[in-house]
Amino acid sequence: MALRLSQKGWNNVLIFSCMFMILLFNYTNNMLMSDEQDQVVAPLLPPDAIIQAIDFSGVELQRVGPSWRVLSQVPNPQIERPEAFVETWQNQPLTSLAHSPMLMENATAWPVVVWVAGQEEGWVFEFVIDTTEQTVYINARRDERWYQLDYAQLPQFVPSVVLNTQTEQNN
């Protein structure tokens, strides 16, 4: 059984099949690229936010006028430039993840609370660190967005004394 179409009919078949292929390619491209568009490169805190304090669960940096002071439950925290941590939190761009990451059982998590001027509640960031896989993820609780951090950059965000204390508590 042969399909008999005139030249005009075959032209219409070709036109509609080309339109279908264009729509198909466009749709699949949008599906594949949607994950990349969900990833945003931005700092954890807005650059214009006025940070009043950062609580690292044992060490707290507090703004006192134009300078910073360190309150610590750990003896001799030895944080020379507290303002460097604040600058990093506001300026260091991080890649946000489209989906929450798969976390290993041995990953440790602890909260960091940032107190911003004009906000009633602190902004909670949960640092999830897997030392065996050398991965660090940050969950920004206010918008439930996940960020990935290079393991080598972790001491720029969290004081070394806090990292060492957390490591000792987990062992």
C-alpha atoms as a PDB file:
ATOM      1  CA  MET A   1       0.000   0.000   0.000  1.00  0.00           C
ATOM      2  CA  ALA A   2       1.745   3.111  -1.234  1.00  0.00           C
ATOM      3  CA  LEU A   3       1.128   6.542   0.162  1.00  0.00           C
ATOM      4  CA  ARG A   4       0.213   8.826  -2.705  1.00  0.00           C
ATOM      5  CA  LEU A   5       0.632  12.508  -2.039  1.00  0.00           C
ATOM      6  CA  SER A   6       0.977  15.353  -4.422  1.00  0.00           C
ATOM      7  CA  GLN A   7       4.074  17.503  -4.445  1.00  0.00           C
ATOM      8  CA  LYS A   8       2.203  20.061  -2.333  1.00  0.00           C
ATOM      9  CA  GLY A   9       1.274  17.328   0.170  1.00  0.00           C
ATOM     10  CA  TRP A  10       4.886  16.107   0.461  1.00  0.00           C
ATOM     11  CA  ASN A  11       6.036  19.706   0.982  1.00  0.00           C
ATOM     12  CA  ASN A  12       3.601  20.010   3.890  1.00  0.00           C
ATOM     13  CA  VAL A  13       4.890  16.730   5.376  1.00  0.00           C
ATOM     14  CA  LEU A  14       8.480  18.017   5.174  1.00  0.00           C
ATOM     15  CA  ILE A  15       7.562  21.381   6.695  1.00  0.00           C
ATOM     16  CA  PHE A  16       5.736  19.801   9.638  1.00  0.00           C
ATOM     17  CA  SER A  17       8.460  17.213  10.234  1.00  0.00           C
ATOM     18  CA  CYS A  18      11.119  19.972  10.254  1.00  0.00           C
ATOM     19  CA  MET A  19       9.036  22.001  12.699  1.00  0.00           C
ATOM     20  CA  PHE A  20       8.656  18.916  14.902  1.00  0.00           C
ATOM     21  CA  MET A  21      12.431  18.300  14.860  1.00  0.00           C
ATOM     22  CA  ILE A  22      13.152  21.937  15.759  1.00  0.00           C
ATOM     23  CA  LEU A  23      10.742  21.774  18.695  1.00  0.00           C
ATOM     24  CA  LEU A  24      12.193  18.435  19.803  1.00  0.00           C
ATOM     25  CA  PHE A  25      15.789  19.725  19.736  1.00  0.00           C
ATOM     26  CA  ASN A  26      14.805  22.935  21.499  1.00  0.00           C
ATOM     27  CA  TYR A  27      12.946  21.057  24.247  1.00  0.00           C
ATOM     28  CA  THR A  28      15.785  18.584  24.889  1.00  0.00           C
ATOM     29  CA  ASN A  29      18.315  21.432  24.931  1.00  0.00           C
ATOM     30  CA  ASN A  30      16.227  23.280  27.528  1.00  0.00           C
ATOM     31  CA  MET A  31      16.001  20.115  29.637  1.00  0.00           C
ATOM     32  CA  LEU A  32      19.752  19.557  29.533  1.00  0.00           C
ATOM     33  CA  MET A  33      20.661  23.169  30.205  1.00  0.00           C
ATOM     34  CA  SER A  34      18.193  23.762  33.042  1.00  0.00           C
ATOM     35  CA  ASP A  35      20.614  22.302  35.625  1.00  0.00           C
ATOM     36  CA  GLU A  36      23.377  24.656  34.523  1.00  0.00           C
ATOM     37  CA  GLN A  37      21.062  27.648  34.740  1.00  0.00           C
ATOM     38  CA  ASP A  38      20.084  26.730  38.308  1.00  0.00           C
ATOM     39  CA  GLN A  39      23.715  27.003  39.359  1.00  0.00           C
ATOM     40  CA  VAL A  40      24.509  30.500  40.506  1.00  0.00           C
ATOM     41  CA  VAL A  41      27.921  31.822  41.426  1.00  0.00           C
ATOM     42  CA  ALA A  42      27.485  34.224  44.340  1.00  0.00           C
ATOM     43  CA  PRO A  43      28.874  34.895  47.816  1.00  0.00           C
ATOM     44  CA  LEU A  44      27.107  33.469  50.869  1.00  0.00           C
ATOM     45  CA  LEU A  45      26.135  36.933  52.096  1.00  0.00           C
ATOM     46  CA  PRO A  46      25.098  39.989  50.118  1.00  0.00           C
ATOM     47  CA  PRO A  47      27.956  42.513  49.837  1.00  0.00           C
ATOM     48  CA  ASP A  48      25.776  45.281  51.284  1.00  0.00           C
ATOM     49  CA  ALA A  49      24.762  43.286  54.402  1.00  0.00           C
ATOM     50  CA  ILE A  50      26.069  44.735  57.656  1.00  0.00           C
ATOM     51  CA  ILE A  51      27.322  41.800  59.681  1.00  0.00           C
ATOM     52  CA  GLN A  52      27.032  42.238  63.449  1.00  0.00           C
ATOM     53  CA  ALA A  53      28.424  38.855  64.507  1.00  0.00           C
ATOM     54  CA  ILE A  54      29.429  35.436  63.219  1.00  0.00           C
ATOM     55  CA  ASP A  55      29.040  32.527  65.655  1.00  0.00           C
ATOM     56  CA  PHE A  56      31.189  29.525  64.709  1.00  0.00           C
ATOM     57  CA  SER A  57      29.890  27.271  67.530  1.00  0.00           C
ATOM     58  CA  GLY A  58      32.575  28.036  70.076  1.00  0.00           C
ATOM     59  CA  VAL A  59      34.216  31.118  68.603  1.00  0.00           C
ATOM     60  CA  GLU A  60      32.257  34.283  67.927  1.00  0.00           C
ATOM     61  CA  LEU A  61      33.366  37.335  65.977  1.00  0.00           C
ATOM     62  CA  GLN A  62      31.518  40.474  67.077  1.00  0.00           C
ATOM     63  CA  ARG A  63      31.529  43.917  65.518  1.00  0.00           C
ATOM     64  CA  VAL A  64      32.605  46.644  67.926  1.00  0.00           C
ATOM     65  CA  GLY A  65      32.363  49.913  66.034  1.00  0.00           C
ATOM     66  CA  PRO A  66      34.692  49.690  63.033  1.00  0.00           C
ATOM     67  CA  SER A  67      36.722  46.789  64.457  1.00  0.00           C
ATOM     68  CA  TRP A  68      36.067  43.207  65.544  1.00  0.00           C
ATOM     69  CA  ARG A  69      36.554  41.288  68.764  1.00  0.00           C
ATOM     70  CA  VAL A  70      36.821  37.559  69.333  1.00  0.00           C
ATOM     71  CA  LEU A  71      34.797  35.830  72.048  1.00  0.00           C
ATOM     72  CA  SER A  72      35.839  32.240  72.524  1.00  0.00           C
ATOM     73  CA  GLN A  73      35.072  29.178  74.595  1.00  0.00           C
ATOM     74  CA  VAL A  74      38.343  27.781  73.265  1.00  0.00           C
ATOM     75  CA  PRO A  75      41.461  28.995  75.099  1.00  0.00           C
ATOM     76  CA  ASN A  76      43.775  31.174  72.959  1.00  0.00           C
ATOM     77  CA  PRO A  77      41.832  31.204  69.692  1.00  0.00           C
ATOM     78  CA  GLN A  78      44.640  33.176  67.934  1.00  0.00           C
ATOM     79  CA  ILE A  79      42.582  34.839  65.223  1.00  0.00           C
ATOM     80  CA  GLU A  80      44.740  37.698  63.974  1.00  0.00           C
ATOM     81  CA  ARG A  81      42.420  39.308  61.425  1.00  0.00           C
ATOM     82  CA  PRO A  82      38.741  38.622  62.167  1.00  0.00           C
ATOM     83  CA  GLU A  83      37.723  41.073  59.437  1.00  0.00           C
ATOM     84  CA  ALA A  84      39.299  38.720  56.865  1.00  0.00           C
ATOM     85  CA  PHE A  85      36.596  36.133  57.611  1.00  0.00           C
ATOM     86  CA  VAL A  86      33.868  38.745  57.196  1.00  0.00           C
ATOM     87  CA  GLU A  87      35.352  39.868  53.867  1.00  0.00           C
ATOM     88  CA  THR A  88      35.513  36.274  52.657  1.00  0.00           C
ATOM     89  CA  TRP A  89      31.887  35.591  53.597  1.00  0.00           C
ATOM     90  CA  GLN A  90      30.753  38.667  51.678  1.00  0.00           C
ATOM     91  CA  ASN A  91      33.085  38.563  48.678  1.00  0.00           C
ATOM     92  CA  GLN A  92      34.154  34.981  47.893  1.00  0.00           C
ATOM     93  CA  PRO A  93      31.895  33.625  45.132  1.00  0.00           C
ATOM     94  CA  LEU A  94      30.689  30.056  45.565  1.00  0.00           C
ATOM     95  CA  THR A  95      28.870  27.786  43.150  1.00  0.00           C
ATOM     96  CA  SER A  96      25.369  26.911  44.255  1.00  0.00           C
ATOM     97  CA  LEU A  97      24.092  23.424  43.512  1.00  0.00           C
ATOM     98  CA  ALA A  98      20.856  22.695  41.675  1.00  0.00           C
ATOM     99  CA  HIS A  99      20.082  19.754  43.995  1.00  0.00           C
ATOM    100  CA  SER A 100      21.086  18.789  47.505  1.00  0.00           C
ATOM    101  CA  PRO A 101      24.309  16.733  47.450  1.00  0.00           C
ATOM    102  CA  MET A 102      24.663  13.077  48.379  1.00  0.00           C
ATOM    103  CA  LEU A 103      26.314  13.079  51.766  1.00  0.00           C
ATOM    104  CA  MET A 104      28.430  10.295  53.204  1.00  0.00           C
ATOM    105  CA  GLU A 105      27.681   8.862  56.643  1.00  0.00           C
ATOM    106  CA  ASN A 106      31.014   9.991  58.046  1.00  0.00           C
ATOM    107  CA  ALA A 107      30.453  13.633  57.054  1.00  0.00           C
ATOM    108  CA  THR A 108      30.304  16.001  60.005  1.00  0.00           C
ATOM    109  CA  ALA A 109      27.994  18.984  60.122  1.00  0.00           C
ATOM    110  CA  TRP A 110      27.889  22.011  62.336  1.00  0.00           C
ATOM    111  CA  PRO A 111      26.047  25.305  62.164  1.00  0.00           C
ATOM    112  CA  VAL A 112      27.458  28.782  61.741  1.00  0.00           C
ATOM    113  CA  VAL A 113      25.084  31.626  62.590  1.00  0.00           C
ATOM    114  CA  VAL A 114      25.557  35.042  61.009  1.00  0.00           C
ATOM    115  CA  TRP A 115      23.798  37.983  62.639  1.00  0.00           C
ATOM    116  CA  VAL A 116      22.971  40.711  60.127  1.00  0.00           C
ATOM    117  CA  ALA A 117      21.823  44.223  61.029  1.00  0.00           C
ATOM    118  CA  GLY A 118      18.099  44.700  60.525  1.00  0.00           C
ATOM    119  CA  GLN A 119      17.279  40.984  60.832  1.00  0.00           C
ATOM    120  CA  GLU A 120      15.490  39.567  63.867  1.00  0.00           C
ATOM    121  CA  GLU A 121      16.984  36.097  63.500  1.00  0.00           C
ATOM    122  CA  GLY A 122      20.452  34.961  62.567  1.00  0.00           C
ATOM    123  CA  TRP A 123      21.115  33.392  59.195  1.00  0.00           C
ATOM    124  CA  VAL A 124      22.098  29.763  59.727  1.00  0.00           C
ATOM    125  CA  PHE A 125      24.641  28.086  57.460  1.00  0.00           C
ATOM    126  CA  GLU A 126      25.302  24.390  57.999  1.00  0.00           C
ATOM    127  CA  PHE A 127      28.802  23.323  56.995  1.00  0.00           C
ATOM    128  CA  VAL A 128      28.941  19.637  56.026  1.00  0.00           C
ATOM    129  CA  ILE A 129      32.512  18.365  55.818  1.00  0.00           C
ATOM    130  CA  ASP A 130      33.712  14.968  54.674  1.00  0.00           C
ATOM    131  CA  THR A 131      37.425  14.744  55.423  1.00  0.00           C
ATOM    132  CA  THR A 132      37.891  11.390  53.669  1.00  0.00           C
ATOM    133  CA  GLU A 133      36.353  12.628  50.411  1.00  0.00           C
ATOM    134  CA  GLN A 134      37.786  16.146  50.900  1.00  0.00           C
ATOM    135  CA  THR A 135      34.408  17.757  50.186  1.00  0.00           C
ATOM    136  CA  VAL A 136      32.647  20.677  51.833  1.00  0.00           C
ATOM    137  CA  TYR A 137      29.034  21.649  51.299  1.00  0.00           C
ATOM    138  CA  ILE A 138      27.234  24.602  52.826  1.00  0.00           C
ATOM    139  CA  ASN A 139      23.482  24.623  53.344  1.00  0.00           C
ATOM    140  CA  ALA A 140      22.104  28.156  53.568  1.00  0.00           C
ATOM    141  CA  ARG A 141      19.034  27.493  55.711  1.00  0.00           C
ATOM    142  CA  ARG A 142      17.246  30.780  54.962  1.00  0.00           C
ATOM    143  CA  ASP A 143      16.699  29.839  51.305  1.00  0.00           C
ATOM    144  CA  GLU A 144      17.576  26.099  51.508  1.00  0.00           C
ATOM    145  CA  ARG A 145      20.265  26.520  48.870  1.00  0.00           C
ATOM    146  CA  TRP A 146      23.355  24.307  48.816  1.00  0.00           C
ATOM    147  CA  TYR A 147      26.823  25.590  47.931  1.00  0.00           C
ATOM    148  CA  GLN A 148      29.998  23.700  47.199  1.00  0.00           C
ATOM    149  CA  LEU A 149      33.272  24.866  48.690  1.00  0.00           C
ATOM    150  CA  ASP A 150      36.782  23.730  47.855  1.00  0.00           C
ATOM    151  CA  TYR A 151      38.244  21.898  50.832  1.00  0.00           C
ATOM    152  CA  ALA A 152      41.357  24.089  50.661  1.00  0.00           C
ATOM    153  CA  GLN A 153      39.189  27.222  51.042  1.00  0.00           C
ATOM    154  CA  LEU A 154      37.538  26.060  54.266  1.00  0.00           C
ATOM    155  CA  PRO A 155      40.032  27.843  56.602  1.00  0.00           C
ATOM    156  CA  GLN A 156      39.138  31.119  54.859  1.00  0.00           C
ATOM    157  CA  PHE A 157      35.503  30.711  55.971  1.00  0.00           C
ATOM    158  CA  VAL A 158      35.927  29.034  59.360  1.00  0.00           C
ATOM    159  CA  PRO A 159      38.792  29.716  61.810  1.00  0.00           C
ATOM    160  CA  SER A 160      41.332  26.902  62.077  1.00  0.00           C
ATOM    161  CA  VAL A 161      40.834  26.662  65.840  1.00  0.00           C
ATOM    162  CA  VAL A 162      37.162  25.790  65.250  1.00  0.00           C
ATOM    163  CA  LEU A 163      38.062  23.214  62.598  1.00  0.00           C
ATOM    164  CA  ASN A 164      40.604  21.591  64.925  1.00  0.00           C
ATOM    165  CA  THR A 165      38.103  21.542  67.803  1.00  0.00           C
ATOM    166  CA  GLN A 166      35.447  19.937  65.605  1.00  0.00           C
ATOM    167  CA  THR A 167      37.933  17.317  64.384  1.00  0.00           C
ATOM    168  CA  GLU A 168      38.956  16.447  67.962  1.00  0.00           C
ATOM    169  CA  GLN A 169      35.320  16.122  69.065  1.00  0.00           C
ATOM    170  CA  ASN A 170      34.534  13.728  66.203  1.00  0.00           C
ATOM    171  CA  ASN A 171      37.496  11.431  66.927  1.00  0.00           C
END
